[in-house]
Amino acid sequence: MVGRYDGAMGESLGLVRAEGIYVAKWTSSDDDQLQTIRDSERPASSGDQLGFRRNSDGRVVGVHNKTVFELADVPTDAKYLVWYHQETHTTQFSKEVGKAGTGTMEVVSYTVIGTVAVVIIIVCLYGSLESGRAK
């Protein structure tokens, strides 16, 4: 999470550590789950600054480096706002399952190829037997 804003601050900026898509989220208390602010997605690079401030009419706006922009539907009872980035990491378990799936597909491919080869051989042998009987 980047740029936590508690509503009482004039401005809150945080440094982005991981490149990715960040979304603004809010909650009305410490115990509530964070709610995503609609259409708040911002691509950010490592070293960028993301945060919030109040504009001249008292509404909370987003800040990305030097750019200030409106945020849709920020509730008046929003106590905390943050920029959130969901990082995804491939776990060892998913890597192993992927390997097993690849291995299974290879076995299935070899089985299909082997079965087709056997069928072709049988058809050729049968054809040879049939043509030998016809003579």
N, C-alpha and C. Protein backbone atom coordinates (compact mmCIF):
# COMPACT_ATOMS: atom_id res chain seq x y z
N MET A 1 0.84 -1.17 0.00
CA MET A 1 0.00 0.00 0.00
C MET A 1 0.89 1.24 0.00
N VAL A 2 0.43 2.24 -0.69
CA VAL A 2 1.20 3.46 -0.86
C VAL A 2 0.31 4.66 -0.55
N GLY A 3 0.89 5.71 0.00
CA GLY A 3 0.20 6.99 0.16
C GLY A 3 -1.02 6.98 1.05
N ARG A 4 -0.90 6.38 2.24
CA ARG A 4 -2.05 6.34 3.16
C ARG A 4 -2.45 7.76 3.54
N TYR A 5 -3.75 8.01 3.48
CA TYR A 5 -4.30 9.34 3.73
C TYR A 5 -5.41 9.20 4.77
N ASP A 6 -5.33 9.97 5.85
CA ASP A 6 -6.33 9.82 6.90
C ASP A 6 -7.39 10.91 6.92
N GLY A 7 -7.44 11.76 5.93
CA GLY A 7 -8.48 12.77 5.85
C GLY A 7 -8.14 14.07 6.57
N ALA A 8 -7.34 13.98 7.62
CA ALA A 8 -6.98 15.18 8.36
C ALA A 8 -5.74 15.85 7.76
N MET A 9 -5.01 15.10 6.97
CA MET A 9 -3.78 15.61 6.37
C MET A 9 -4.10 16.53 5.20
N GLY A 10 -3.17 17.44 4.92
CA GLY A 10 -3.31 18.26 3.73
C GLY A 10 -2.98 17.47 2.49
N GLU A 11 -1.89 16.70 2.57
CA GLU A 11 -1.46 15.88 1.44
C GLU A 11 -0.67 14.70 1.98
N SER A 12 -0.80 13.57 1.33
CA SER A 12 -0.05 12.38 1.70
C SER A 12 0.46 11.73 0.42
N LEU A 13 1.78 11.62 0.30
CA LEU A 13 2.39 10.96 -0.85
C LEU A 13 3.27 9.82 -0.37
N GLY A 14 3.27 8.75 -1.14
CA GLY A 14 4.13 7.61 -0.83
C GLY A 14 4.91 7.21 -2.06
N LEU A 15 6.04 6.56 -1.84
CA LEU A 15 6.92 6.13 -2.92
C LEU A 15 6.52 4.73 -3.39
N VAL A 16 6.35 4.58 -4.69
CA VAL A 16 6.01 3.29 -5.29
C VAL A 16 7.27 2.43 -5.31
N ARG A 17 7.15 1.21 -4.77
CA ARG A 17 8.30 0.29 -4.75
C ARG A 17 8.25 -0.74 -5.87
N ALA A 18 7.05 -1.12 -6.29
CA ALA A 18 6.91 -2.15 -7.32
C ALA A 18 6.09 -1.60 -8.49
N GLU A 19 6.60 -1.78 -9.69
CA GLU A 19 5.88 -1.34 -10.89
C GLU A 19 4.59 -2.13 -11.04
N GLY A 20 3.53 -1.48 -11.49
CA GLY A 20 2.28 -2.18 -11.72
C GLY A 20 1.10 -1.24 -11.77
N ILE A 21 -0.08 -1.81 -11.72
CA ILE A 21 -1.32 -1.06 -11.73
C ILE A 21 -1.77 -0.88 -10.27
N TYR A 22 -2.00 0.36 -9.88
CA TYR A 22 -2.45 0.68 -8.53
C TYR A 22 -3.88 1.17 -8.59
N VAL A 23 -4.66 0.83 -7.57
CA VAL A 23 -6.03 1.32 -7.45
C VAL A 23 -6.18 2.01 -6.10
N ALA A 24 -7.01 3.05 -6.08
CA ALA A 24 -7.29 3.75 -4.84
C ALA A 24 -8.38 2.98 -4.10
N LYS A 25 -8.19 2.84 -2.78
CA LYS A 25 -9.16 2.15 -1.93
C LYS A 25 -9.44 3.01 -0.71
N TRP A 26 -10.60 2.80 -0.11
CA TRP A 26 -10.99 3.59 1.05
C TRP A 26 -11.67 2.71 2.08
N THR A 27 -11.72 3.20 3.31
CA THR A 27 -12.50 2.58 4.37
C THR A 27 -12.98 3.68 5.31
N SER A 28 -14.07 3.41 5.99
CA SER A 28 -14.61 4.41 6.91
C SER A 28 -14.14 4.19 8.34
N SER A 29 -13.47 3.05 8.61
CA SER A 29 -12.91 2.82 9.95
C SER A 29 -11.76 1.82 9.85
N ASP A 30 -11.05 1.64 10.96
CA ASP A 30 -9.93 0.71 10.99
C ASP A 30 -10.38 -0.74 10.79
N ASP A 31 -11.62 -1.03 11.14
CA ASP A 31 -12.09 -2.41 11.09
C ASP A 31 -12.72 -2.81 9.77
N ASP A 32 -13.12 -1.83 8.97
CA ASP A 32 -13.81 -2.14 7.70
C ASP A 32 -12.84 -2.61 6.63
N GLN A 33 -13.37 -3.39 5.71
CA GLN A 33 -12.58 -3.82 4.56
C GLN A 33 -12.40 -2.64 3.61
N LEU A 34 -11.28 -2.64 2.91
CA LEU A 34 -11.03 -1.59 1.92
C LEU A 34 -11.96 -1.77 0.72
N GLN A 35 -12.51 -0.66 0.25
CA GLN A 35 -13.39 -0.65 -0.92
C GLN A 35 -12.67 0.06 -2.07
N THR A 36 -12.73 -0.50 -3.24
CA THR A 36 -12.07 0.08 -4.41
C THR A 36 -12.84 1.29 -4.92
N ILE A 37 -12.12 2.35 -5.23
CA ILE A 37 -12.73 3.54 -5.84
C ILE A 37 -12.81 3.30 -7.34
N ARG A 38 -14.01 3.39 -7.87
CA ARG A 38 -14.28 3.11 -9.28
C ARG A 38 -13.38 3.95 -10.19
N ASP A 39 -12.86 3.33 -11.25
CA ASP A 39 -12.06 3.99 -12.29
C ASP A 39 -10.81 4.70 -11.74
N SER A 40 -10.21 4.12 -10.70
CA SER A 40 -9.02 4.78 -10.12
C SER A 40 -7.71 4.12 -10.53
N GLU A 41 -7.74 3.16 -11.45
CA GLU A 41 -6.52 2.45 -11.85
C GLU A 41 -5.48 3.41 -12.41
N ARG A 42 -4.25 3.26 -11.93
CA ARG A 42 -3.14 4.09 -12.40
C ARG A 42 -1.91 3.20 -12.59
N PRO A 43 -1.33 3.17 -13.79
CA PRO A 43 -0.05 2.47 -13.94
C PRO A 43 1.05 3.31 -13.29
N ALA A 44 1.87 2.68 -12.48
CA ALA A 44 2.95 3.40 -11.79
C ALA A 44 4.24 2.60 -11.87
N SER A 45 5.34 3.32 -11.92
CA SER A 45 6.66 2.71 -11.97
C SER A 45 7.35 2.87 -10.63
N SER A 46 8.32 2.02 -10.40
CA SER A 46 9.11 2.12 -9.18
C SER A 46 9.74 3.51 -9.09
N GLY A 47 9.60 4.16 -7.94
CA GLY A 47 10.12 5.51 -7.76
C GLY A 47 9.08 6.60 -7.94
N ASP A 48 7.92 6.27 -8.55
CA ASP A 48 6.83 7.25 -8.68
C ASP A 48 6.27 7.58 -7.30
N GLN A 49 5.57 8.71 -7.22
CA GLN A 49 4.88 9.07 -5.99
C GLN A 49 3.38 9.00 -6.23
N LEU A 50 2.67 8.35 -5.33
CA LEU A 50 1.22 8.28 -5.37
C LEU A 50 0.68 8.77 -4.04
N GLY A 51 -0.45 9.45 -4.07
CA GLY A 51 -1.03 9.91 -2.82
C GLY A 51 -2.36 10.60 -3.03
N PHE A 52 -2.72 11.39 -2.02
CA PHE A 52 -4.00 12.09 -2.00
C PHE A 52 -3.80 13.47 -1.41
N ARG A 53 -4.74 14.36 -1.73
CA ARG A 53 -4.80 15.68 -1.10
C ARG A 53 -6.23 16.20 -1.24
N ARG A 54 -6.53 17.22 -0.46
CA ARG A 54 -7.83 17.89 -0.60
C ARG A 54 -7.67 19.05 -1.56
N ASN A 55 -8.61 19.17 -2.48
CA ASN A 55 -8.55 20.32 -3.39
C ASN A 55 -9.22 21.53 -2.74
N SER A 56 -9.32 22.62 -3.48
CA SER A 56 -9.82 23.88 -2.91
C SER A 56 -11.27 23.82 -2.43
N ASP A 57 -12.08 22.89 -3.01
CA ASP A 57 -13.47 22.79 -2.55
C ASP A 57 -13.66 21.68 -1.49
N GLY A 58 -12.55 21.14 -0.99
CA GLY A 58 -12.62 20.18 0.11
C GLY A 58 -12.72 18.72 -0.29
N ARG A 59 -12.79 18.41 -1.58
CA ARG A 59 -12.87 17.02 -2.03
C ARG A 59 -11.48 16.41 -2.10
N VAL A 60 -11.41 15.11 -1.83
CA VAL A 60 -10.14 14.38 -1.92
C VAL A 60 -9.87 14.07 -3.39
N VAL A 61 -8.65 14.35 -3.83
CA VAL A 61 -8.23 14.05 -5.20
C VAL A 61 -6.98 13.17 -5.15
N GLY A 62 -6.71 12.50 -6.25
CA GLY A 62 -5.53 11.66 -6.35
C GLY A 62 -4.34 12.46 -6.85
N VAL A 63 -3.15 12.02 -6.45
CA VAL A 63 -1.90 12.65 -6.89
C VAL A 63 -0.98 11.54 -7.39
N HIS A 64 -0.46 11.73 -8.61
CA HIS A 64 0.53 10.81 -9.18
C HIS A 64 1.67 11.68 -9.70
N ASN A 65 2.79 11.64 -8.98
CA ASN A 65 3.90 12.55 -9.22
C ASN A 65 3.38 13.99 -9.16
N LYS A 66 3.43 14.74 -10.24
CA LYS A 66 2.96 16.14 -10.24
C LYS A 66 1.52 16.27 -10.76
N THR A 67 0.92 15.15 -11.19
CA THR A 67 -0.43 15.18 -11.76
C THR A 67 -1.47 15.02 -10.66
N VAL A 68 -2.45 15.91 -10.65
CA VAL A 68 -3.57 15.85 -9.71
C VAL A 68 -4.82 15.51 -10.52
N PHE A 69 -5.65 14.57 -10.04
CA PHE A 69 -6.82 14.14 -10.79
C PHE A 69 -7.96 13.80 -9.85
N GLU A 70 -9.17 13.93 -10.39
CA GLU A 70 -10.40 13.65 -9.63
C GLU A 70 -10.52 12.15 -9.37
N LEU A 71 -11.11 11.82 -8.25
CA LEU A 71 -11.46 10.44 -7.92
C LEU A 71 -12.99 10.35 -7.85
N ALA A 72 -13.56 9.38 -8.54
CA ALA A 72 -15.02 9.23 -8.58
C ALA A 72 -15.53 8.60 -7.29
N ASP A 73 -16.63 9.10 -6.82
CA ASP A 73 -17.40 8.47 -5.75
C ASP A 73 -16.62 8.21 -4.45
N VAL A 74 -15.80 9.14 -4.02
CA VAL A 74 -15.16 8.98 -2.72
C VAL A 74 -16.21 9.40 -1.67
N PRO A 75 -16.62 8.46 -0.83
CA PRO A 75 -17.66 8.79 0.16
C PRO A 75 -17.18 9.85 1.15
N THR A 76 -18.12 10.64 1.65
CA THR A 76 -17.77 11.68 2.61
C THR A 76 -17.31 11.10 3.94
N ASP A 77 -17.72 9.85 4.24
CA ASP A 77 -17.30 9.23 5.50
C ASP A 77 -16.01 8.42 5.36
N ALA A 78 -15.32 8.53 4.22
CA ALA A 78 -14.05 7.81 4.03
C ALA A 78 -13.02 8.35 5.02
N LYS A 79 -12.56 7.46 5.90
CA LYS A 79 -11.60 7.86 6.93
C LYS A 79 -10.16 7.69 6.45
N TYR A 80 -9.92 6.60 5.74
CA TYR A 80 -8.58 6.31 5.23
C TYR A 80 -8.66 6.02 3.75
N LEU A 81 -7.65 6.48 3.01
CA LEU A 81 -7.50 6.15 1.61
C LEU A 81 -6.08 5.67 1.38
N VAL A 82 -5.91 4.69 0.48
CA VAL A 82 -4.58 4.18 0.15
C VAL A 82 -4.56 3.82 -1.33
N TRP A 83 -3.36 3.77 -1.88
CA TRP A 83 -3.14 3.22 -3.20
C TRP A 83 -2.69 1.78 -2.99
N TYR A 84 -3.35 0.86 -3.67
CA TYR A 84 -3.13 -0.57 -3.44
C TYR A 84 -2.66 -1.23 -4.73
N HIS A 85 -1.67 -2.10 -4.58
CA HIS A 85 -1.13 -2.85 -5.73
C HIS A 85 -1.14 -4.32 -5.36
N GLN A 86 -1.80 -5.13 -6.15
CA GLN A 86 -1.85 -6.57 -5.92
C GLN A 86 -0.72 -7.21 -6.69
N GLU A 87 0.28 -7.69 -5.97
CA GLU A 87 1.37 -8.40 -6.63
C GLU A 87 1.01 -9.86 -6.74
N THR A 88 1.34 -10.46 -7.87
CA THR A 88 1.11 -11.89 -8.03
C THR A 88 2.45 -12.58 -8.18
N HIS A 89 2.61 -13.62 -7.41
CA HIS A 89 3.82 -14.43 -7.47
C HIS A 89 3.42 -15.86 -7.78
N THR A 90 4.19 -16.52 -8.60
CA THR A 90 3.96 -17.92 -8.89
C THR A 90 4.54 -18.73 -7.75
N THR A 91 3.69 -19.51 -7.08
CA THR A 91 4.15 -20.32 -5.97
C THR A 91 4.82 -21.58 -6.49
N GLN A 92 5.60 -22.22 -5.63
CA GLN A 92 6.26 -23.47 -6.02
C GLN A 92 5.21 -24.52 -6.35
N PHE A 93 4.11 -24.53 -5.58
CA PHE A 93 3.04 -25.50 -5.83
C PHE A 93 2.50 -25.35 -7.26
N SER A 94 2.20 -24.11 -7.67
CA SER A 94 1.64 -23.91 -9.01
C SER A 94 2.66 -24.26 -10.10
N LYS A 95 3.95 -24.03 -9.81
CA LYS A 95 4.98 -24.43 -10.77
C LYS A 95 4.99 -25.94 -10.94
N GLU A 96 4.91 -26.68 -9.81
CA GLU A 96 4.92 -28.15 -9.87
C GLU A 96 3.68 -28.69 -10.55
N VAL A 97 2.52 -28.09 -10.26
CA VAL A 97 1.29 -28.52 -10.93
C VAL A 97 1.41 -28.27 -12.43
N GLY A 98 1.99 -27.13 -12.81
CA GLY A 98 2.20 -26.84 -14.23
C GLY A 98 3.11 -27.86 -14.89
N LYS A 99 4.18 -28.25 -14.18
CA LYS A 99 5.09 -29.27 -14.71
C LYS A 99 4.37 -30.60 -14.88
N ALA A 100 3.56 -30.95 -13.86
CA ALA A 100 2.82 -32.22 -13.93
C ALA A 100 1.85 -32.19 -15.10
N GLY A 101 1.18 -31.06 -15.31
CA GLY A 101 0.26 -30.93 -16.43
C GLY A 101 0.97 -31.05 -17.76
N THR A 102 2.16 -30.45 -17.85
CA THR A 102 2.95 -30.54 -19.08
C THR A 102 3.38 -31.98 -19.32
N GLY A 103 3.82 -32.66 -18.26
CA GLY A 103 4.22 -34.06 -18.38
C GLY A 103 3.07 -34.94 -18.80
N THR A 104 1.90 -34.69 -18.24
CA THR A 104 0.70 -35.45 -18.59
C THR A 104 0.36 -35.25 -20.05
N MET A 105 0.44 -34.01 -20.52
CA MET A 105 0.13 -33.73 -21.92
C MET A 105 1.13 -34.41 -22.85
N GLU A 106 2.41 -34.48 -22.43
CA GLU A 106 3.40 -35.17 -23.25
C GLU A 106 3.07 -36.66 -23.34
N VAL A 107 2.67 -37.27 -22.20
CA VAL A 107 2.31 -38.69 -22.19
C VAL A 107 1.11 -38.92 -23.09
N VAL A 108 0.09 -38.04 -22.99
CA VAL A 108 -1.10 -38.17 -23.83
C VAL A 108 -0.71 -38.03 -25.30
N SER A 109 0.16 -37.07 -25.62
CA SER A 109 0.59 -36.87 -27.01
C SER A 109 1.30 -38.11 -27.54
N TYR A 110 2.23 -38.65 -26.74
CA TYR A 110 2.96 -39.85 -27.17
C TYR A 110 2.01 -41.04 -27.31
N THR A 111 1.03 -41.13 -26.43
CA THR A 111 0.06 -42.22 -26.50
C THR A 111 -0.76 -42.10 -27.77
N VAL A 112 -1.21 -40.91 -28.10
CA VAL A 112 -2.00 -40.70 -29.32
C VAL A 112 -1.16 -41.00 -30.54
N ILE A 113 0.07 -40.50 -30.56
CA ILE A 113 0.97 -40.76 -31.71
C ILE A 113 1.23 -42.25 -31.85
N GLY A 114 1.49 -42.92 -30.71
CA GLY A 114 1.73 -44.37 -30.73
C GLY A 114 0.52 -45.13 -31.21
N THR A 115 -0.66 -44.73 -30.77
CA THR A 115 -1.91 -45.40 -31.18
C THR A 115 -2.14 -45.22 -32.67
N VAL A 116 -1.93 -44.02 -33.17
CA VAL A 116 -2.10 -43.76 -34.61
C VAL A 116 -1.11 -44.60 -35.41
N ALA A 117 0.12 -44.70 -34.93
CA ALA A 117 1.13 -45.50 -35.64
C ALA A 117 0.72 -46.97 -35.68
N VAL A 118 0.21 -47.50 -34.57
CA VAL A 118 -0.23 -48.89 -34.52
C VAL A 118 -1.39 -49.12 -35.47
N VAL A 119 -2.35 -48.19 -35.51
CA VAL A 119 -3.50 -48.32 -36.40
C VAL A 119 -3.03 -48.32 -37.86
N ILE A 120 -2.09 -47.45 -38.19
CA ILE A 120 -1.57 -47.39 -39.56
C ILE A 120 -0.90 -48.71 -39.92
N ILE A 121 -0.11 -49.23 -39.01
CA ILE A 121 0.57 -50.51 -39.27
C ILE A 121 -0.45 -51.62 -39.48
N ILE A 122 -1.49 -51.68 -38.62
CA ILE A 122 -2.52 -52.71 -38.76
C ILE A 122 -3.24 -52.58 -40.08
N VAL A 123 -3.59 -51.37 -40.46
CA VAL A 123 -4.29 -51.15 -41.74
C VAL A 123 -3.40 -51.59 -42.90
N CYS A 124 -2.12 -51.27 -42.84
CA CYS A 124 -1.20 -51.67 -43.92
C CYS A 124 -1.06 -53.19 -43.97
N LEU A 125 -0.92 -53.82 -42.80
CA LEU A 125 -0.81 -55.28 -42.79
C LEU A 125 -2.09 -55.93 -43.28
N TYR A 126 -3.22 -55.42 -42.85
CA TYR A 126 -4.51 -55.96 -43.28
C TYR A 126 -4.67 -55.80 -44.79
N GLY A 127 -4.27 -54.62 -45.27
CA GLY A 127 -4.35 -54.38 -46.71
C GLY A 127 -3.45 -55.35 -47.46
N SER A 128 -2.27 -55.64 -46.93
CA SER A 128 -1.36 -56.59 -47.58
C SER A 128 -1.95 -57.98 -47.57
N LEU A 129 -2.56 -58.36 -46.46
CA LEU A 129 -3.18 -59.69 -46.36
C LEU A 129 -4.33 -59.82 -47.35
N GLU A 130 -5.16 -58.79 -47.42
CA GLU A 130 -6.31 -58.79 -48.31
C GLU A 130 -5.88 -58.86 -49.77
N SER A 131 -4.82 -58.10 -50.11
CA SER A 131 -4.37 -58.13 -51.49
C SER A 131 -3.71 -59.46 -51.81
N GLY A 132 -3.11 -60.12 -50.82
CA GLY A 132 -2.52 -61.44 -51.04
C GLY A 132 -3.58 -62.51 -51.23
N ARG A 133 -4.71 -62.38 -50.58
CA ARG A 133 -5.82 -63.33 -50.71
C ARG A 133 -6.50 -63.18 -52.08
N ALA A 134 -6.55 -61.97 -52.56
CA ALA A 134 -7.25 -61.70 -53.82
C ALA A 134 -6.53 -62.35 -55.00
N LYS A 135 -5.28 -62.62 -54.87
CA LYS A 135 -4.51 -63.18 -56.01
C LYS A 135 -4.78 -64.63 -56.20
